[in-house]
C-alpha atoms as a PDB file:
ATOM      1  CA  MET A   1      15.325  25.326 -13.729  1.00  0.00           C
ATOM      2  CA  ALA A   2      12.201  23.197 -13.269  1.00  0.00           C
ATOM      3  CA  HIS A   3      11.678  23.163 -17.012  1.00  0.00           C
ATOM      4  CA  GLY A   4      15.108  21.597 -17.531  1.00  0.00           C
ATOM      5  CA  LEU A   5      14.456  18.906 -14.933  1.00  0.00           C
ATOM      6  CA  SER A   6      11.143  17.962 -16.521  1.00  0.00           C
ATOM      7  CA  GLU A   7      12.885  17.586 -19.878  1.00  0.00           C
ATOM      8  CA  VAL A   8      15.517  15.337 -18.307  1.00  0.00           C
ATOM      9  CA  ASP A   9      12.795  13.309 -16.589  1.00  0.00           C
ATOM     10  CA  ARG A  10      10.916  12.928 -19.885  1.00  0.00           C
ATOM     11  CA  TYR A  11      14.076  11.896 -21.730  1.00  0.00           C
ATOM     12  CA  LEU A  12      15.003   9.332 -19.065  1.00  0.00           C
ATOM     13  CA  ASN A  13      11.493   7.883 -19.135  1.00  0.00           C
ATOM     14  CA  LEU A  14      11.587   7.636 -22.920  1.00  0.00           C
ATOM     15  CA  VAL A  15      15.025   6.023 -23.036  1.00  0.00           C
ATOM     16  CA  LEU A  16      15.525   4.081 -19.812  1.00  0.00           C
ATOM     17  CA  ALA A  17      12.002   2.786 -19.176  1.00  0.00           C
ATOM     18  CA  PRO A  18      11.904   0.590 -22.320  1.00  0.00           C
ATOM     19  CA  ILE A  19      15.409  -0.702 -21.582  1.00  0.00           C
ATOM     20  CA  PHE A  20      14.459  -1.624 -18.010  1.00  0.00           C
ATOM     21  CA  ILE A  21      11.180  -3.203 -19.129  1.00  0.00           C
ATOM     22  CA  PHE A  22      12.920  -5.255 -21.817  1.00  0.00           C
ATOM     23  CA  THR A  23      15.799  -6.451 -19.640  1.00  0.00           C
ATOM     24  CA  SER A  24      13.461  -7.235 -16.753  1.00  0.00           C
ATOM     25  CA  PHE A  25      11.177  -9.244 -19.020  1.00  0.00           C
ATOM     26  CA  ILE A  26      14.083 -11.199 -20.521  1.00  0.00           C
ATOM     27  CA  GLY A  27      15.734 -11.818 -17.144  1.00  0.00           C
ATOM     28  CA  ASN A  28      12.534 -12.956 -15.461  1.00  0.00           C
ATOM     29  CA  ALA A  29      11.562 -15.151 -18.419  1.00  0.00           C
ATOM     30  CA  LEU A  30      14.981 -16.817 -18.306  1.00  0.00           C
ATOM     31  CA  ALA A  31      14.685 -17.303 -14.544  1.00  0.00           C
ATOM     32  CA  ILE A  32      11.301 -18.980 -14.983  1.00  0.00           C
ATOM     33  CA  LEU A  33      12.639 -21.215 -17.756  1.00  0.00           C
ATOM     34  CA  VAL A  34      15.608 -22.293 -15.643  1.00  0.00           C
ATOM     35  CA  LEU A  35      13.483 -22.920 -12.562  1.00  0.00           C
ATOM     36  CA  LYS A  36      11.053 -25.095 -14.538  1.00  0.00           C
ATOM     37  CA  ARG A  37      13.808 -27.434 -15.747  1.00  0.00           C
ATOM     38  CA  LYS A  38      13.977 -30.913 -14.283  1.00  0.00           C
ATOM     39  CA  PRO A  39      16.781 -30.423 -11.696  1.00  0.00           C
ATOM     40  CA  PHE A  40      15.095 -27.374 -10.157  1.00  0.00           C
ATOM     41  CA  HIS A  41      11.433 -28.242 -10.673  1.00  0.00           C
ATOM     42  CA  SER A  42      11.174 -30.443  -7.583  1.00  0.00           C
ATOM     43  CA  LEU A  43      12.875 -28.004  -5.203  1.00  0.00           C
ATOM     44  CA  PRO A  44      10.626 -26.018  -2.855  1.00  0.00           C
ATOM     45  CA  MET A  45      12.511 -22.801  -3.606  1.00  0.00           C
ATOM     46  CA  SER A  46      11.526 -23.142  -7.267  1.00  0.00           C
ATOM     47  CA  VAL A  47       7.916 -22.240  -6.499  1.00  0.00           C
ATOM     48  CA  TYR A  48       8.937 -19.187  -4.479  1.00  0.00           C
ATOM     49  CA  LEU A  49      11.476 -17.934  -7.039  1.00  0.00           C
ATOM     50  CA  THR A  50       9.086 -18.494  -9.955  1.00  0.00           C
ATOM     51  CA  PHE A  51       6.415 -16.491  -8.136  1.00  0.00           C
ATOM     52  CA  LEU A  52       9.000 -13.806  -7.371  1.00  0.00           C
ATOM     53  CA  ALA A  53       9.970 -13.561 -11.061  1.00  0.00           C
ATOM     54  CA  VAL A  54       6.325 -13.224 -12.129  1.00  0.00           C
ATOM     55  CA  VAL A  55       5.593 -10.561  -9.507  1.00  0.00           C
ATOM     56  CA  ASP A  56       8.797  -8.698 -10.373  1.00  0.00           C
ATOM     57  CA  ALA A  57       7.882  -8.618 -14.061  1.00  0.00           C
ATOM     58  CA  GLY A  58       4.410  -7.352 -13.210  1.00  0.00           C
ATOM     59  CA  THR A  59       5.782  -4.687 -10.895  1.00  0.00           C
ATOM     60  CA  VAL A  60       8.260  -3.407 -13.462  1.00  0.00           C
ATOM     61  CA  ILE A  61       5.633  -3.301 -16.197  1.00  0.00           C
ATOM     62  CA  SER A  62       2.957  -1.672 -14.042  1.00  0.00           C
ATOM     63  CA  GLY A  63       5.446   0.858 -12.683  1.00  0.00           C
ATOM     64  CA  LEU A  64       7.397   1.830 -15.783  1.00  0.00           C
ATOM     65  CA  LEU A  65       4.932   1.362 -18.639  1.00  0.00           C
ATOM     66  CA  PRO A  66       2.631   4.219 -17.528  1.00  0.00           C
ATOM     67  CA  ARG A  67       5.654   6.503 -17.106  1.00  0.00           C
ATOM     68  CA  PHE A  68       6.840   5.613 -20.608  1.00  0.00           C
ATOM     69  CA  ILE A  69       3.387   6.192 -22.103  1.00  0.00           C
ATOM     70  CA  LEU A  70       3.046   9.563 -20.358  1.00  0.00           C
ATOM     71  CA  ALA A  71       6.491  10.634 -21.542  1.00  0.00           C
ATOM     72  CA  ALA A  72       5.744   9.529 -25.095  1.00  0.00           C
ATOM     73  CA  THR A  73       2.538  11.565 -25.327  1.00  0.00           C
END
């Protein structure tokens, strides 16, 4: 039974990790672009949300990229 679960885990890491990384990168990049536009640039929340988008992208990449690499090898 454990062998079957490890195969499922490997498959999910190979398929879902790149999808999550890609969508997270696109979503956070779009959030940063929107928050840097003129109407939002002067708002105090813009700094916080921009920082949040950068940290979120870093967290997703540092968490999922190693799992994807391990599953691919």
